[in-house]
Protein backbone atom coordinates (compact mmCIF):
# COMPACT_ATOMS: atom_id res chain seq x y z
CA MET A 1 14.57 55.14 -39.46
CA SER A 2 15.53 51.83 -41.09
CA HIS A 3 17.59 48.93 -39.90
CA ALA A 4 19.84 46.92 -42.18
CA PRO A 5 18.95 43.21 -42.27
CA THR A 6 22.28 41.95 -41.02
CA THR A 7 23.10 39.58 -38.20
CA GLY A 8 26.85 39.60 -38.60
CA GLY A 9 26.62 36.77 -41.10
CA GLY A 10 24.94 34.41 -38.65
CA PRO A 11 21.51 32.83 -39.05
CA VAL A 12 18.21 33.95 -37.58
CA HIS A 13 16.40 31.26 -35.62
CA VAL A 14 12.67 31.41 -36.40
CA ILE A 15 10.34 29.65 -33.95
CA GLY A 16 6.96 28.73 -35.39
CA ALA A 17 8.48 28.64 -38.87
CA SER A 18 5.71 26.42 -40.23
CA GLY A 19 2.97 28.96 -39.38
CA ARG A 20 1.77 31.78 -41.61
CA CYS A 21 3.82 34.56 -40.03
CA GLY A 22 6.77 32.24 -39.53
CA GLN A 23 6.83 31.27 -43.18
CA ALA A 24 6.59 34.92 -44.24
CA VAL A 25 9.54 35.85 -42.03
CA CYS A 26 11.61 32.94 -43.33
CA ARG A 27 10.93 33.93 -46.94
CA ALA A 28 11.83 37.57 -46.30
CA LEU A 29 15.10 36.66 -44.58
CA LEU A 30 16.11 34.20 -47.28
CA GLN A 31 15.35 36.75 -50.00
CA ARG A 32 17.79 39.08 -48.25
CA GLY A 33 20.48 36.43 -48.14
CA THR A 34 20.18 35.84 -44.41
CA PRO A 35 20.45 32.16 -43.41
CA VAL A 36 17.56 30.79 -41.36
CA VAL A 37 17.28 28.04 -38.78
CA ALA A 38 13.59 27.11 -38.98
CA LEU A 39 12.17 25.61 -35.78
CA ALA A 40 8.86 23.76 -35.79
CA ARG A 41 7.25 20.98 -33.78
CA SER A 42 6.38 19.13 -36.98
CA GLN A 43 8.49 19.27 -40.11
CA ALA A 44 5.68 18.12 -42.43
CA ARG A 45 4.06 21.53 -42.82
CA LEU A 46 7.44 23.20 -43.18
CA HIS A 47 8.38 20.85 -46.01
CA GLY A 48 4.98 21.42 -47.60
CA SER A 49 5.68 25.17 -47.75
CA GLY A 50 8.61 24.63 -50.12
CA LEU A 51 10.97 26.56 -47.83
CA THR A 52 13.19 23.58 -47.15
CA ALA A 53 14.23 23.56 -50.81
CA ASN A 54 16.22 26.76 -50.13
CA PRO A 55 19.84 25.90 -49.23
CA GLY A 56 19.93 28.84 -46.82
CA LEU A 57 17.36 27.22 -44.53
CA THR A 58 18.19 24.63 -41.88
CA PRO A 59 15.12 22.87 -40.42
CA ARG A 60 15.14 21.79 -36.77
CA THR A 61 12.51 20.14 -34.62
CA ALA A 62 11.77 21.96 -31.37
CA ASP A 63 8.89 22.19 -28.93
CA LEU A 64 8.26 25.30 -26.82
CA THR A 65 6.47 23.16 -24.27
CA ASP A 66 9.76 21.30 -23.70
CA PRO A 67 12.20 24.16 -23.03
CA ALA A 68 14.76 22.05 -21.21
CA GLY A 69 14.88 19.47 -24.01
CA THR A 70 14.48 20.03 -27.73
CA LEU A 71 14.13 23.82 -27.52
CA ARG A 72 17.33 24.51 -25.58
CA ALA A 73 19.32 22.24 -27.85
CA ALA A 74 17.84 23.82 -30.99
CA LEU A 75 18.69 27.33 -29.75
CA ALA A 76 22.14 26.58 -28.38
CA ASP A 77 23.89 28.51 -31.18
CA ALA A 78 21.27 31.27 -31.58
CA THR A 79 22.21 34.95 -31.64
CA HIS A 80 18.97 36.35 -33.14
CA ILE A 81 15.60 34.72 -32.45
CA VAL A 82 12.18 35.46 -33.93
CA CYS A 83 9.25 33.80 -32.17
CA THR A 84 5.94 33.77 -34.00
CA ALA A 85 4.39 31.21 -31.64
CA HIS A 86 1.81 32.31 -29.06
CA ALA A 87 3.21 34.79 -26.56
CA ARG A 88 2.04 32.69 -23.62
CA LEU A 89 5.06 30.49 -24.35
CA LEU A 90 7.60 33.28 -23.89
CA PRO A 91 8.63 32.21 -20.37
CA ALA A 92 9.72 28.88 -21.86
CA LEU A 93 11.64 30.66 -24.62
CA LEU A 94 13.37 32.95 -22.13
CA ALA A 95 14.40 29.92 -20.09
CA ALA A 96 15.86 28.10 -23.11
CA ALA A 97 17.43 30.89 -25.18
CA PRO A 98 21.08 31.89 -24.78
CA PRO A 99 21.21 34.93 -22.47
CA THR A 100 22.81 37.18 -25.09
CA ALA A 101 20.46 36.29 -27.97
CA ARG A 102 18.33 39.09 -29.40
CA LEU A 103 14.61 38.25 -29.17
CA VAL A 104 11.70 39.49 -31.27
CA CYS A 105 8.32 37.99 -30.39
CA LEU A 106 4.76 38.36 -31.60
CA GLY A 107 1.96 39.19 -29.22
CA SER A 108 -1.47 40.55 -30.13
CA THR A 109 -3.63 43.60 -29.55
CA ARG A 110 -6.06 41.12 -28.02
CA LYS A 111 -4.29 42.00 -24.78
CA LEU A 112 -6.36 45.23 -24.81
CA THR A 113 -9.80 43.63 -25.10
CA ARG A 114 -12.53 44.62 -22.66
CA TRP A 115 -13.36 40.93 -22.30
CA PRO A 116 -10.20 39.12 -21.11
CA ASP A 117 -9.84 35.58 -22.39
CA ALA A 118 -7.17 32.89 -22.42
CA HIS A 119 -5.65 34.29 -25.60
CA GLY A 120 -5.36 37.85 -24.33
CA ASN A 121 -4.23 36.80 -20.86
CA GLY A 122 -1.54 34.63 -22.41
CA VAL A 123 -0.27 37.60 -24.42
CA LEU A 124 -0.15 39.73 -21.27
CA ALA A 125 1.76 37.02 -19.43
CA GLY A 126 4.27 36.72 -22.27
CA GLU A 127 4.77 40.47 -22.45
CA ARG A 128 5.27 40.64 -18.70
CA ALA A 129 7.87 37.87 -18.83
CA LEU A 130 9.88 39.67 -21.51
CA LEU A 131 9.68 43.09 -19.84
CA GLU A 132 10.67 41.66 -16.47
CA SER A 133 13.58 39.75 -18.00
CA GLY A 134 15.39 42.98 -18.85
CA ARG A 135 16.65 41.41 -22.08
CA SER A 136 17.17 43.53 -25.18
CA GLY A 137 14.46 42.77 -27.68
CA ALA A 138 10.85 43.44 -28.47
CA ILE A 139 7.37 42.03 -28.40
CA LEU A 140 5.23 43.34 -31.25
CA HIS A 141 1.46 43.39 -30.83
CA PRO A 142 -0.24 43.26 -34.25
CA SER A 143 -3.87 44.00 -34.86
CA MET A 144 -5.79 41.55 -37.06
CA ILE A 145 -3.34 40.26 -39.68
CA TYR A 146 -4.43 39.74 -43.27
CA GLY A 147 -2.66 38.99 -46.53
CA ALA A 148 -0.57 36.00 -45.43
CA ARG A 149 -0.62 32.83 -47.49
CA GLY A 150 -3.55 30.78 -46.26
CA GLU A 151 -4.75 33.37 -43.74
CA ASN A 152 -8.35 33.04 -42.60
CA ASN A 153 -9.37 36.58 -41.73
CA VAL A 154 -10.35 38.47 -44.89
CA GLN A 155 -10.45 35.25 -46.90
CA ARG A 156 -12.96 33.76 -44.49
CA LEU A 157 -14.99 36.96 -44.55
CA ALA A 158 -15.03 36.92 -48.35
CA ALA A 159 -16.21 33.30 -48.27
CA LEU A 160 -19.03 34.33 -45.94
CA LEU A 161 -20.02 37.27 -48.13
CA ARG A 162 -20.44 34.97 -51.13
CA TYR A 163 -23.38 33.31 -49.39
CA LEU A 164 -25.02 36.23 -47.58
CA PRO A 165 -27.42 38.65 -49.32
CA VAL A 166 -27.00 40.98 -46.32
CA VAL A 167 -24.33 41.27 -43.63
CA PRO A 168 -25.79 40.92 -40.12
CA LEU A 169 -23.63 42.96 -37.73
CA PRO A 170 -24.00 43.99 -34.09
CA VAL A 171 -24.74 47.72 -33.65
CA GLY A 172 -24.64 48.10 -37.42
CA GLY A 173 -20.93 47.36 -37.64
CA LYS A 174 -19.98 50.79 -36.29
CA ALA A 175 -17.06 49.55 -34.20
CA LEU A 176 -13.64 50.31 -35.66
CA VAL A 177 -11.15 47.80 -37.01
CA GLN A 178 -7.56 48.48 -38.12
CA PRO A 179 -6.11 45.33 -39.74
CA ILE A 180 -2.44 45.12 -40.67
CA TYR A 181 -1.05 43.67 -43.89
CA GLN A 182 1.27 40.66 -43.47
CA ASP A 183 4.14 42.33 -45.34
CA ASP A 184 4.07 45.15 -42.78
CA VAL A 185 4.16 42.65 -39.91
CA THR A 186 7.20 41.01 -41.52
CA ALA A 187 8.89 44.39 -42.06
CA CYS A 188 8.32 45.30 -38.42
CA ILE A 189 9.81 42.00 -37.24
CA LEU A 190 12.94 42.50 -39.36
CA ALA A 191 13.30 46.09 -38.17
CA ALA A 192 12.92 45.07 -34.52
CA LEU A 193 15.42 42.28 -35.01
CA HIS A 194 18.18 44.76 -35.83
CA ALA A 195 17.13 47.88 -33.92
CA PRO A 196 19.57 49.11 -31.25
CA TRP A 197 17.35 48.30 -28.30
CA HIS A 198 18.57 48.81 -24.75
CA GLY A 199 16.31 46.55 -22.77
CA PRO A 200 12.89 45.13 -23.70
CA GLN A 201 10.25 46.95 -25.75
CA ALA A 202 6.52 46.44 -26.36
CA ILE A 203 5.13 48.02 -29.53
CA ILE A 204 1.66 47.93 -31.09
CA ILE A 205 1.66 47.54 -34.88
CA ALA A 206 -1.45 48.12 -36.98
CA GLY A 207 -2.73 49.20 -40.36
CA ALA A 208 -2.73 52.70 -41.81
CA GLU A 209 -6.30 53.55 -40.89
CA ALA A 210 -9.17 52.40 -38.72
CA VAL A 211 -12.53 51.94 -40.47
CA PRO A 212 -15.97 50.90 -39.22
CA TYR A 213 -16.50 47.19 -39.61
CA TRP A 214 -19.41 47.70 -42.02
CA ARG A 215 -17.05 49.60 -44.30
CA PHE A 216 -14.43 46.89 -43.90
CA THR A 217 -16.91 44.27 -45.18
CA GLN A 218 -17.61 46.44 -48.23
CA MET A 219 -13.90 46.86 -48.96
CA VAL A 220 -13.33 43.11 -48.68
CA ALA A 221 -16.25 42.42 -51.02
CA GLN A 222 -14.96 44.87 -53.60
CA ALA A 223 -11.43 43.47 -53.45
CA ALA A 224 -12.82 39.93 -53.84
CA GLY A 225 -14.84 40.92 -56.90
CA LEU A 226 -18.18 40.78 -55.09
CA THR A 227 -21.01 43.26 -54.90
CA PRO A 228 -20.91 44.98 -51.48
CA ARG A 229 -23.70 43.65 -49.28
CA PRO A 230 -26.05 45.89 -47.30
CA VAL A 231 -25.69 45.74 -43.53
CA LEU A 232 -28.45 44.45 -41.27
CA SER A 233 -28.06 45.75 -37.72
CA LEU A 234 -29.00 43.12 -35.14
CA PRO A 235 -28.53 42.79 -31.36
CA ALA A 236 -25.17 41.29 -30.42
CA GLY A 237 -26.84 38.76 -28.12
CA PHE A 238 -28.97 37.39 -30.96
CA LEU A 239 -25.95 37.11 -33.27
CA ARG A 240 -23.94 35.33 -30.57
CA LEU A 241 -26.69 32.72 -30.33
CA ALA A 242 -26.86 32.40 -34.12
CA ALA A 243 -23.09 31.92 -34.30
CA ARG A 244 -23.45 28.67 -32.37
CA ALA A 245 -25.16 27.17 -35.41
CA THR A 246 -22.37 27.94 -37.90
CA PRO A 247 -20.34 24.74 -37.16
CA TYR A 248 -23.35 22.77 -38.43
CA LEU A 249 -23.74 24.74 -41.67
CA PRO A 250 -21.13 23.40 -44.11
CA PHE A 251 -21.56 26.27 -46.57
CA LEU A 252 -20.59 28.87 -43.92
CA PRO A 253 -17.29 29.45 -42.10
CA THR A 254 -17.46 28.74 -38.38
CA ILE A 255 -17.93 31.87 -36.27
CA SER A 256 -17.60 31.81 -32.48
CA PRO A 257 -19.84 33.80 -30.12
CA ASN A 258 -16.74 35.54 -28.76
CA GLU A 259 -15.91 36.78 -32.24
CA ILE A 260 -19.32 38.42 -32.40
CA ARG A 261 -18.76 40.11 -29.05
CA ARG A 262 -15.39 41.46 -30.16
CA LEU A 263 -17.13 43.08 -33.14
CA THR A 264 -18.74 45.53 -30.70
CA GLU A 265 -15.50 47.07 -29.40
CA ASP A 266 -13.31 49.58 -31.21
CA LYS A 267 -9.92 48.30 -32.31
CA ALA A 268 -8.13 51.50 -33.33
CA PHE A 269 -4.46 52.08 -32.56
CA ASN A 270 -1.77 54.75 -32.69
CA THR A 271 0.89 53.72 -35.23
CA THR A 272 3.33 56.53 -34.43
CA PRO A 273 5.61 54.27 -32.32
CA MET A 274 5.57 51.69 -35.13
CA GLN A 275 6.67 54.32 -37.62
CA THR A 276 9.22 56.13 -35.47
CA LEU A 277 10.80 53.17 -33.67
CA LEU A 278 10.64 50.63 -36.50
CA GLY A 279 10.64 52.86 -39.57
CA VAL A 280 7.62 51.05 -41.07
CA SER A 281 4.76 53.04 -42.61
CA PRO A 282 1.69 50.79 -42.76
CA THR A 283 0.04 49.85 -46.04
CA GLY A 284 -3.33 51.43 -46.80
CA LEU A 285 -6.23 49.03 -46.36
CA ALA A 286 -7.53 49.31 -49.93
CA SER A 287 -4.06 48.63 -51.33
CA GLY A 288 -3.44 45.71 -49.01
CA LEU A 289 -6.78 44.10 -49.81
CA ALA A 290 -6.22 44.48 -53.55
CA ARG A 291 -2.86 42.72 -53.21
CA THR A 292 -4.40 40.02 -51.02
CA PHE A 293 -6.91 39.01 -53.68
CA THR A 294 -4.52 39.25 -56.63
CA ASP A 295 -1.45 37.46 -55.19
């Protein structure tokens, strides 16, 4: 199933347009000839992206933490809204958006973690607000996103691999990971924007296959032109303590203890709803990584 990228000639309002996903959505819409109203708290990053040079884009300043002020005014004429800001802010968006506007929002598969945190709880709260609103639209929950301009997932891992002779991983890196390529996230957003929903939807979107994290590190190394590093299995508790030192080591990316803990849980997802409801077949991991390091 596919959905034509049409909004009846009107613009799509993109909240969080200065972020990585927001910029990707804006570019995709503009390439299809769809006008965009780009909403951001600060216009500096949006201008730095080069998007404002496109005559089809109208920049507006808006703040999701001020729904009764700048946000409501910026959305007054909205018919189709994409929100790439954190899902915890969805109650504010629902309060400010015109009641007939179609909404597509980004959540996260973090909502499924065994160790609830502020990020995951915020996603759950946003999803609950949309589902309880009864409004037609969707919240899409991506797995780890890679391949966006300036993303810091596989790029940060590649930077780490350049310095490490071995890859220390909890439980040998056996836990599964299923990252999704940015172009697939964008395609899912556009499909959800124009799907004939009747009421709210929540859909998980993920990559084509789940692989053990040790294998993921090898695939990233190969795509980045590095020799795959052997894996050193270490206790998760020890690695969480070691992670606390990374902010003080300028040659290494900063890694949080919670990131280490999340490496011990499987993150594998069923993509059938993504494919049947949105018509998007996810990109294979090897192909997506190759494109990430050549673009």
